[in-house]
C-alpha atoms as a PDB file:
ATOM      1  CA  MET A   1     -23.312   9.285  -4.816  1.00  0.00           C
ATOM      2  CA  LYS A   2     -25.065   6.414  -3.059  1.00  0.00           C
ATOM      3  CA  VAL A   3     -24.458   2.967  -4.522  1.00  0.00           C
ATOM      4  CA  GLU A   4     -27.784   1.199  -5.076  1.00  0.00           C
ATOM      5  CA  LYS A   5     -27.802  -0.746  -8.351  1.00  0.00           C
ATOM      6  CA  SER A   6     -25.028  -2.782  -9.939  1.00  0.00           C
ATOM      7  CA  ASP A   7     -25.055  -0.862 -13.242  1.00  0.00           C
ATOM      8  CA  LEU A   8     -23.539   2.556 -13.823  1.00  0.00           C
ATOM      9  CA  THR A   9     -25.638   5.223 -15.471  1.00  0.00           C
ATOM     10  CA  GLU A  10     -24.329   7.549 -18.145  1.00  0.00           C
ATOM     11  CA  GLU A  11     -24.405  10.240 -15.477  1.00  0.00           C
ATOM     12  CA  ASP A  12     -22.162   8.111 -13.253  1.00  0.00           C
ATOM     13  CA  ILE A  13     -19.658   7.527 -16.051  1.00  0.00           C
ATOM     14  CA  THR A  14     -19.582  11.203 -16.976  1.00  0.00           C
ATOM     15  CA  TYR A  15     -19.094  12.115 -13.315  1.00  0.00           C
ATOM     16  CA  ILE A  16     -16.127   9.742 -12.936  1.00  0.00           C
ATOM     17  CA  LYS A  17     -14.441  10.958 -16.114  1.00  0.00           C
ATOM     18  CA  GLN A  18     -14.951  14.592 -15.169  1.00  0.00           C
ATOM     19  CA  CYS A  19     -13.450  14.011 -11.724  1.00  0.00           C
ATOM     20  CA  VAL A  20     -10.359  12.390 -13.265  1.00  0.00           C
ATOM     21  CA  HIS A  21      -9.809  15.251 -15.691  1.00  0.00           C
ATOM     22  CA  GLU A  22     -10.398  17.895 -13.021  1.00  0.00           C
ATOM     23  CA  ARG A  23      -8.268  15.970 -10.484  1.00  0.00           C
ATOM     24  CA  LYS A  24     -11.136  15.781  -8.033  1.00  0.00           C
ATOM     25  CA  PRO A  25     -12.000  12.771  -5.850  1.00  0.00           C
ATOM     26  CA  VAL A  26     -14.522  10.303  -7.256  1.00  0.00           C
ATOM     27  CA  ASP A  27     -16.892   9.694  -4.337  1.00  0.00           C
ATOM     28  CA  PHE A  28     -19.457   6.888  -4.056  1.00  0.00           C
ATOM     29  CA  PHE A  29     -20.952   5.524  -0.846  1.00  0.00           C
ATOM     30  CA  CYS A  30     -23.049   2.669   0.471  1.00  0.00           C
ATOM     31  CA  TYR A  31     -24.266   1.340   3.812  1.00  0.00           C
ATOM     32  CA  THR A  32     -23.613  -2.380   3.310  1.00  0.00           C
ATOM     33  CA  LEU A  33     -21.518  -4.184   0.739  1.00  0.00           C
ATOM     34  CA  THR A  34     -24.215  -6.219  -1.021  1.00  0.00           C
ATOM     35  CA  PRO A  35     -23.356  -8.184  -4.199  1.00  0.00           C
ATOM     36  CA  GLU A  36     -25.007  -5.435  -6.273  1.00  0.00           C
ATOM     37  CA  GLN A  37     -23.007  -2.707  -4.563  1.00  0.00           C
ATOM     38  CA  LYS A  38     -19.827  -4.734  -4.889  1.00  0.00           C
ATOM     39  CA  ALA A  39     -20.414  -5.129  -8.641  1.00  0.00           C
ATOM     40  CA  ARG A  40     -21.049  -1.416  -8.989  1.00  0.00           C
ATOM     41  CA  PHE A  41     -17.911  -0.430  -7.100  1.00  0.00           C
ATOM     42  CA  GLN A  42     -16.007  -2.751  -9.422  1.00  0.00           C
ATOM     43  CA  LYS A  43     -17.407  -0.911 -12.438  1.00  0.00           C
ATOM     44  CA  VAL A  44     -16.572   2.443 -10.839  1.00  0.00           C
ATOM     45  CA  LEU A  45     -12.963   1.317 -10.454  1.00  0.00           C
ATOM     46  CA  THR A  46     -12.889   0.091 -14.067  1.00  0.00           C
ATOM     47  CA  VAL A  47     -14.041   3.416 -15.520  1.00  0.00           C
ATOM     48  CA  PHE A  48     -11.684   5.302 -13.222  1.00  0.00           C
ATOM     49  CA  LEU A  49      -8.605   3.264 -14.160  1.00  0.00           C
ATOM     50  CA  GLN A  50      -9.477   3.319 -17.866  1.00  0.00           C
ATOM     51  CA  GLU A  51      -9.720   7.089 -17.765  1.00  0.00           C
ATOM     52  CA  CYS A  52      -6.358   7.239 -15.952  1.00  0.00           C
ATOM     53  CA  ASN A  53      -4.752   4.795 -18.443  1.00  0.00           C
ATOM     54  CA  GLN A  54      -3.877   2.572 -15.474  1.00  0.00           C
ATOM     55  CA  MET A  55      -5.832  -0.628 -16.185  1.00  0.00           C
ATOM     56  CA  HIS A  56      -2.702  -2.688 -15.440  1.00  0.00           C
ATOM     57  CA  LEU A  57      -3.546  -2.039 -11.760  1.00  0.00           C
ATOM     58  CA  TYR A  58      -7.080  -3.423 -12.003  1.00  0.00           C
ATOM     59  CA  ASN A  59      -6.636  -6.999 -10.744  1.00  0.00           C
ATOM     60  CA  TYR A  60      -4.519  -5.909  -7.793  1.00  0.00           C
ATOM     61  CA  LEU A  61      -6.688  -2.970  -6.774  1.00  0.00           C
ATOM     62  CA  THR A  62      -9.968  -4.855  -7.151  1.00  0.00           C
ATOM     63  CA  TYR A  63      -8.912  -7.319  -4.497  1.00  0.00           C
ATOM     64  CA  CYS A  64      -7.549  -4.617  -2.201  1.00  0.00           C
ATOM     65  CA  LEU A  65     -10.646  -2.485  -2.668  1.00  0.00           C
ATOM     66  CA  PHE A  66     -13.077  -5.230  -1.710  1.00  0.00           C
ATOM     67  CA  GLU A  67     -11.072  -6.115   1.382  1.00  0.00           C
ATOM     68  CA  LEU A  68     -11.066  -2.508   2.591  1.00  0.00           C
ATOM     69  CA  LEU A  69     -14.750  -1.997   1.776  1.00  0.00           C
ATOM     70  CA  ASP A  70     -15.723  -5.202   3.547  1.00  0.00           C
ATOM     71  CA  ASN A  71     -13.661  -4.283   6.615  1.00  0.00           C
ATOM     72  CA  ALA A  72     -15.239  -0.814   6.761  1.00  0.00           C
ATOM     73  CA  SER A  73     -18.803  -2.081   6.379  1.00  0.00           C
ATOM     74  CA  LYS A  74     -18.308  -4.720   9.091  1.00  0.00           C
ATOM     75  CA  ALA A  75     -16.674  -2.159  11.384  1.00  0.00           C
ATOM     76  CA  ASN A  76     -19.839  -0.049  11.238  1.00  0.00           C
ATOM     77  CA  ALA A  77     -22.084  -3.082  11.791  1.00  0.00           C
ATOM     78  CA  LYS A  78     -19.893  -4.126  14.719  1.00  0.00           C
ATOM     79  CA  ARG A  79     -20.758  -0.899  16.550  1.00  0.00           C
ATOM     80  CA  ILE A  80     -24.462  -1.668  16.248  1.00  0.00           C
ATOM     81  CA  TYR A  81     -23.958  -5.261  17.352  1.00  0.00           C
ATOM     82  CA  PHE A  82     -21.976  -4.305  20.455  1.00  0.00           C
ATOM     83  CA  LYS A  83     -24.510  -1.647  21.416  1.00  0.00           C
ATOM     84  CA  GLU A  84     -27.458  -4.029  20.997  1.00  0.00           C
ATOM     85  CA  ASN A  85     -25.723  -6.627  23.170  1.00  0.00           C
ATOM     86  CA  ASN A  86     -24.706  -4.151  25.890  1.00  0.00           C
ATOM     87  CA  LEU A  87     -21.020  -4.748  25.256  1.00  0.00           C
ATOM     88  CA  ASP A  88     -18.333  -2.091  25.633  1.00  0.00           C
ATOM     89  CA  ILE A  89     -16.295  -2.198  22.444  1.00  0.00           C
ATOM     90  CA  ASN A  90     -13.418  -0.468  24.249  1.00  0.00           C
ATOM     91  CA  ASN A  91     -13.264  -3.158  26.942  1.00  0.00           C
ATOM     92  CA  GLU A  92     -10.900  -5.952  25.922  1.00  0.00           C
ATOM     93  CA  ASN A  93     -12.909  -8.753  27.569  1.00  0.00           C
ATOM     94  CA  ASP A  94     -16.183  -7.499  26.081  1.00  0.00           C
ATOM     95  CA  TYR A  95     -14.473  -7.187  22.721  1.00  0.00           C
ATOM     96  CA  LYS A  96     -13.185 -10.770  22.736  1.00  0.00           C
ATOM     97  CA  ASN A  97     -16.545 -12.131  23.871  1.00  0.00           C
ATOM     98  CA  GLY A  98     -18.456 -10.093  21.302  1.00  0.00           C
ATOM     99  CA  MET A  99     -16.238 -11.123  18.403  1.00  0.00           C
ATOM    100  CA  LYS A 100     -16.932 -14.805  19.100  1.00  0.00           C
ATOM    101  CA  SER A 101     -20.442 -14.469  17.678  1.00  0.00           C
ATOM    102  CA  PHE A 102     -20.402 -11.185  15.731  1.00  0.00           C
ATOM    103  CA  ARG A 103     -19.741 -12.587  12.259  1.00  0.00           C
ATOM    104  CA  ASP A 104     -22.331 -15.371  12.553  1.00  0.00           C
ATOM    105  CA  THR A 105     -24.909 -12.912  13.898  1.00  0.00           C
ATOM    106  CA  LEU A 106     -24.207 -10.485  11.058  1.00  0.00           C
ATOM    107  CA  THR A 107     -24.615 -13.239   8.447  1.00  0.00           C
ATOM    108  CA  GLU A 108     -27.839 -14.530   9.999  1.00  0.00           C
ATOM    109  CA  ASN A 109     -29.416 -11.054  10.365  1.00  0.00           C
ATOM    110  CA  THR A 110     -28.277  -9.291   7.204  1.00  0.00           C
ATOM    111  CA  LEU A 111     -31.483  -7.345   6.589  1.00  0.00           C
ATOM    112  CA  HIS A 112     -31.646  -6.135  10.199  1.00  0.00           C
ATOM    113  CA  TYR A 113     -28.136  -4.710  10.036  1.00  0.00           C
ATOM    114  CA  GLN A 114     -28.751  -3.160   6.626  1.00  0.00           C
ATOM    115  CA  GLU A 115     -31.721  -1.304   8.084  1.00  0.00           C
ATOM    116  CA  MET A 116     -29.860  -0.253  11.229  1.00  0.00           C
ATOM    117  CA  LEU A 117     -26.824   0.993   9.290  1.00  0.00           C
ATOM    118  CA  GLU A 118     -28.980   3.122   7.017  1.00  0.00           C
ATOM    119  CA  GLU A 119     -31.096   4.375   9.919  1.00  0.00           C
ATOM    120  CA  GLY A 120     -27.942   5.369  11.785  1.00  0.00           C
ATOM    121  CA  GLU A 121     -26.365   6.953   8.679  1.00  0.00           C
ATOM    122  CA  LEU A 122     -23.344   4.655   9.073  1.00  0.00           C
ATOM    123  CA  ARG A 123     -21.786   4.925   5.643  1.00  0.00           C
ATOM    124  CA  VAL A 124     -18.834   3.533   3.754  1.00  0.00           C
ATOM    125  CA  HIS A 125     -17.312   5.917   1.214  1.00  0.00           C
ATOM    126  CA  LEU A 126     -15.069   5.002  -1.706  1.00  0.00           C
ATOM    127  CA  LEU A 127     -12.897   7.870  -2.911  1.00  0.00           C
ATOM    128  CA  LEU A 128     -10.641   7.524  -5.965  1.00  0.00           C
ATOM    129  CA  THR A 129      -8.137  10.234  -6.869  1.00  0.00           C
ATOM    130  CA  ALA A 130      -5.657  10.522  -9.723  1.00  0.00           C
ATOM    131  CA  ASN A 131      -2.949  13.145  -9.335  1.00  0.00           C
ATOM    132  CA  ASP A 132       0.735  12.207  -9.236  1.00  0.00           C
ATOM    133  CA  ILE A 133      -0.447   9.074  -7.449  1.00  0.00           C
ATOM    134  CA  ILE A 134      -3.441   6.788  -7.750  1.00  0.00           C
ATOM    135  CA  SER A 135      -5.194   7.009  -4.396  1.00  0.00           C
ATOM    136  CA  VAL A 136      -7.855   4.548  -3.232  1.00  0.00           C
ATOM    137  CA  THR A 137      -9.481   5.642   0.021  1.00  0.00           C
ATOM    138  CA  VAL A 138     -12.190   3.840   1.985  1.00  0.00           C
ATOM    139  CA  THR A 139     -13.807   5.724   4.858  1.00  0.00           C
ATOM    140  CA  ASN A 140     -16.372   4.609   7.413  1.00  0.00           C
ATOM    141  CA  ASN A 141     -17.893   6.998   9.918  1.00  0.00           C
ATOM    142  CA  THR A 142     -17.070   5.187  13.147  1.00  0.00           C
ATOM    143  CA  LYS A 143     -13.954   5.575  15.269  1.00  0.00           C
ATOM    144  CA  ILE A 144     -11.541   2.665  15.464  1.00  0.00           C
ATOM    145  CA  THR A 145     -10.673   1.547  18.997  1.00  0.00           C
ATOM    146  CA  ASP A 146      -7.139   1.618  20.340  1.00  0.00           C
ATOM    147  CA  SER A 147      -6.980  -2.183  20.402  1.00  0.00           C
ATOM    148  CA  GLU A 148      -8.286  -2.470  16.828  1.00  0.00           C
ATOM    149  CA  TYR A 149      -5.693   0.041  15.639  1.00  0.00           C
ATOM    150  CA  ALA A 150      -2.962  -1.855  17.484  1.00  0.00           C
ATOM    151  CA  ARG A 151      -4.029  -5.100  15.785  1.00  0.00           C
ATOM    152  CA  ILE A 152      -3.887  -3.458  12.363  1.00  0.00           C
ATOM    153  CA  GLN A 153      -0.430  -2.059  12.989  1.00  0.00           C
ATOM    154  CA  ASP A 154       0.729  -5.429  14.286  1.00  0.00           C
ATOM    155  CA  LYS A 155      -0.443  -7.120  11.080  1.00  0.00           C
ATOM    156  CA  ILE A 156       1.342  -4.493   8.994  1.00  0.00           C
ATOM    157  CA  GLU A 157       4.576  -5.025  10.900  1.00  0.00           C
ATOM    158  CA  ARG A 158       4.313  -8.806  10.752  1.00  0.00           C
ATOM    159  CA  THR A 159       3.740  -8.749   6.991  1.00  0.00           C
ATOM    160  CA  LYS A 160       7.206  -7.260   6.558  1.00  0.00           C
ATOM    161  CA  ILE A 161       8.739 -10.573   7.608  1.00  0.00           C
ATOM    162  CA  TYR A 162       6.351 -12.990   5.876  1.00  0.00           C
ATOM    163  CA  GLN A 163       7.780 -14.730   2.853  1.00  0.00           C
ATOM    164  CA  THR A 164       4.623 -16.602   1.839  1.00  0.00           C
ATOM    165  CA  MET A 165       0.890 -16.625   2.587  1.00  0.00           C
ATOM    166  CA  ALA A 166       1.538 -19.871   4.492  1.00  0.00           C
ATOM    167  CA  ASP A 167       3.717 -17.882   6.898  1.00  0.00           C
ATOM    168  CA  ALA A 168       0.888 -15.409   7.402  1.00  0.00           C
ATOM    169  CA  MET A 169      -1.763 -18.087   8.004  1.00  0.00           C
ATOM    170  CA  ALA A 170       0.392 -19.727  10.655  1.00  0.00           C
ATOM    171  CA  ASP A 171       0.814 -16.484  12.560  1.00  0.00           C
ATOM    172  CA  ILE A 172      -2.450 -14.531  12.294  1.00  0.00           C
ATOM    173  CA  ASP A 173      -4.593 -13.151  15.123  1.00  0.00           C
ATOM    174  CA  GLN A 174      -7.851 -15.121  15.101  1.00  0.00           C
ATOM    175  CA  THR A 175      -9.808 -12.479  17.059  1.00  0.00           C
ATOM    176  CA  GLU A 176     -11.083 -10.767  13.923  1.00  0.00           C
ATOM    177  CA  GLY A 177     -11.997 -13.966  12.097  1.00  0.00           C
ATOM    178  CA  SER A 178      -9.605 -15.190   9.425  1.00  0.00           C
ATOM    179  CA  GLY A 179      -7.357 -12.166   9.962  1.00  0.00           C
ATOM    180  CA  LEU A 180      -6.019 -12.369   6.419  1.00  0.00           C
ATOM    181  CA  GLY A 181      -7.717  -9.317   4.881  1.00  0.00           C
ATOM    182  CA  ILE A 182      -5.170  -6.603   5.586  1.00  0.00           C
ATOM    183  CA  ILE A 183      -2.293  -9.056   5.276  1.00  0.00           C
ATOM    184  CA  THR A 184      -3.407 -10.075   1.792  1.00  0.00           C
ATOM    185  CA  VAL A 185      -3.802  -6.416   0.773  1.00  0.00           C
ATOM    186  CA  LEU A 186      -0.170  -5.912   1.744  1.00  0.00           C
ATOM    187  CA  VAL A 187       0.829  -9.022  -0.210  1.00  0.00           C
ATOM    188  CA  MET A 188      -0.945  -7.566  -3.272  1.00  0.00           C
ATOM    189  CA  LEU A 189       0.986  -4.331  -2.833  1.00  0.00           C
ATOM    190  CA  LYS A 190       4.226  -6.320  -2.625  1.00  0.00           C
ATOM    191  CA  LYS A 191       3.372  -7.853  -5.986  1.00  0.00           C
ATOM    192  CA  LEU A 192       3.242  -4.286  -7.300  1.00  0.00           C
ATOM    193  CA  GLY A 193       6.690  -3.644  -5.879  1.00  0.00           C
ATOM    194  CA  LEU A 194       5.330  -1.499  -3.061  1.00  0.00           C
ATOM    195  CA  ASN A 195       5.918  -1.767   0.679  1.00  0.00           C
ATOM    196  CA  SER A 196       3.633  -1.238   3.656  1.00  0.00           C
ATOM    197  CA  ASP A 197       4.250   2.525   3.584  1.00  0.00           C
ATOM    198  CA  HIS A 198       1.740   2.686   0.726  1.00  0.00           C
ATOM    199  CA  LEU A 199      -1.121   1.546   2.977  1.00  0.00           C
ATOM    200  CA  HIS A 200      -2.271   4.025   5.636  1.00  0.00           C
ATOM    201  CA  PHE A 201      -4.856   3.813   8.407  1.00  0.00           C
ATOM    202  CA  ASP A 202      -5.999   6.947  10.207  1.00  0.00           C
ATOM    203  CA  THR A 203      -8.776   7.604  12.674  1.00  0.00           C
ATOM    204  CA  SER A 204     -10.520  10.506  14.353  1.00  0.00           C
ATOM    205  CA  GLU A 205     -13.463  10.853  16.716  1.00  0.00           C
ATOM    206  CA  THR A 206     -15.859  10.524  13.787  1.00  0.00           C
ATOM    207  CA  GLU A 207     -14.294   8.250  11.156  1.00  0.00           C
ATOM    208  CA  THR A 208     -11.714   5.665  10.145  1.00  0.00           C
ATOM    209  CA  VAL A 209      -9.791   6.043   6.891  1.00  0.00           C
ATOM    210  CA  ALA A 210      -7.829   3.417   4.947  1.00  0.00           C
ATOM    211  CA  THR A 211      -5.786   4.641   1.986  1.00  0.00           C
ATOM    212  CA  ILE A 212      -3.716   2.907  -0.679  1.00  0.00           C
ATOM    213  CA  GLU A 213      -1.340   5.163  -2.619  1.00  0.00           C
ATOM    214  CA  ILE A 214       0.339   4.019  -5.825  1.00  0.00           C
ATOM    215  CA  PRO A 215       2.743   6.204  -7.830  1.00  0.00           C
ATOM    216  CA  LYS A 216       1.128   6.907 -11.173  1.00  0.00           C
ATOM    217  CA  ASP A 217       2.770   5.373 -14.270  1.00  0.00           C
ATOM    218  CA  SER A 218       5.383   3.634 -12.139  1.00  0.00           C
ATOM    219  CA  MET A 219       4.343   0.085 -13.024  1.00  0.00           C
ATOM    220  CA  GLU A 220       3.406   0.161 -16.698  1.00  0.00           C
ATOM    221  CA  GLU A 221       5.126  -3.173 -17.409  1.00  0.00           C
ATOM    222  CA  ILE A 222       3.200  -5.251 -14.823  1.00  0.00           C
END
């Protein structure tokens, strides 16, 4: 289902509950993460976790979810930006030069990128699944570059040795902006007693997939 308004309809709620009971993925998508879409995704997660009797995960997963959704939406917009500016996203020098102004350009031309993302069918999907694990998957239909994947894996490895967020802030890669998104997701997972193995990134020629997996009923006392 496409995310358009902030409120859920009765049809949406019924759909989510049915998916949980039938152990099927709950699937909603958007093109850009507007405030309305963000609010709606939050309500989707609420209904999903309530139906799974896992509301103790809500605060942690809400933060993680928004980080992954934001990353995916910006990754799609980045492809448009690089193409419009005749930059090769797979060239390291072009990448560094492009990232210097990408975020400001995206902020200043929000409507343009919303239109281009929808025109190009560049979507961000949220999939929620409840089997033996609670699975939160965010997919965007652009391929991650080798250098982007290497940066993600580097952040994951570095997080294993951070003791505090101050450690992370002193050691982050500034190329992607603040660089704290994925790191903070991993910190949230640590608070749940989970390690980096519970966050996965995969890519193919047509999409990039980020998945958080949490053992169901394993943290009832949080």
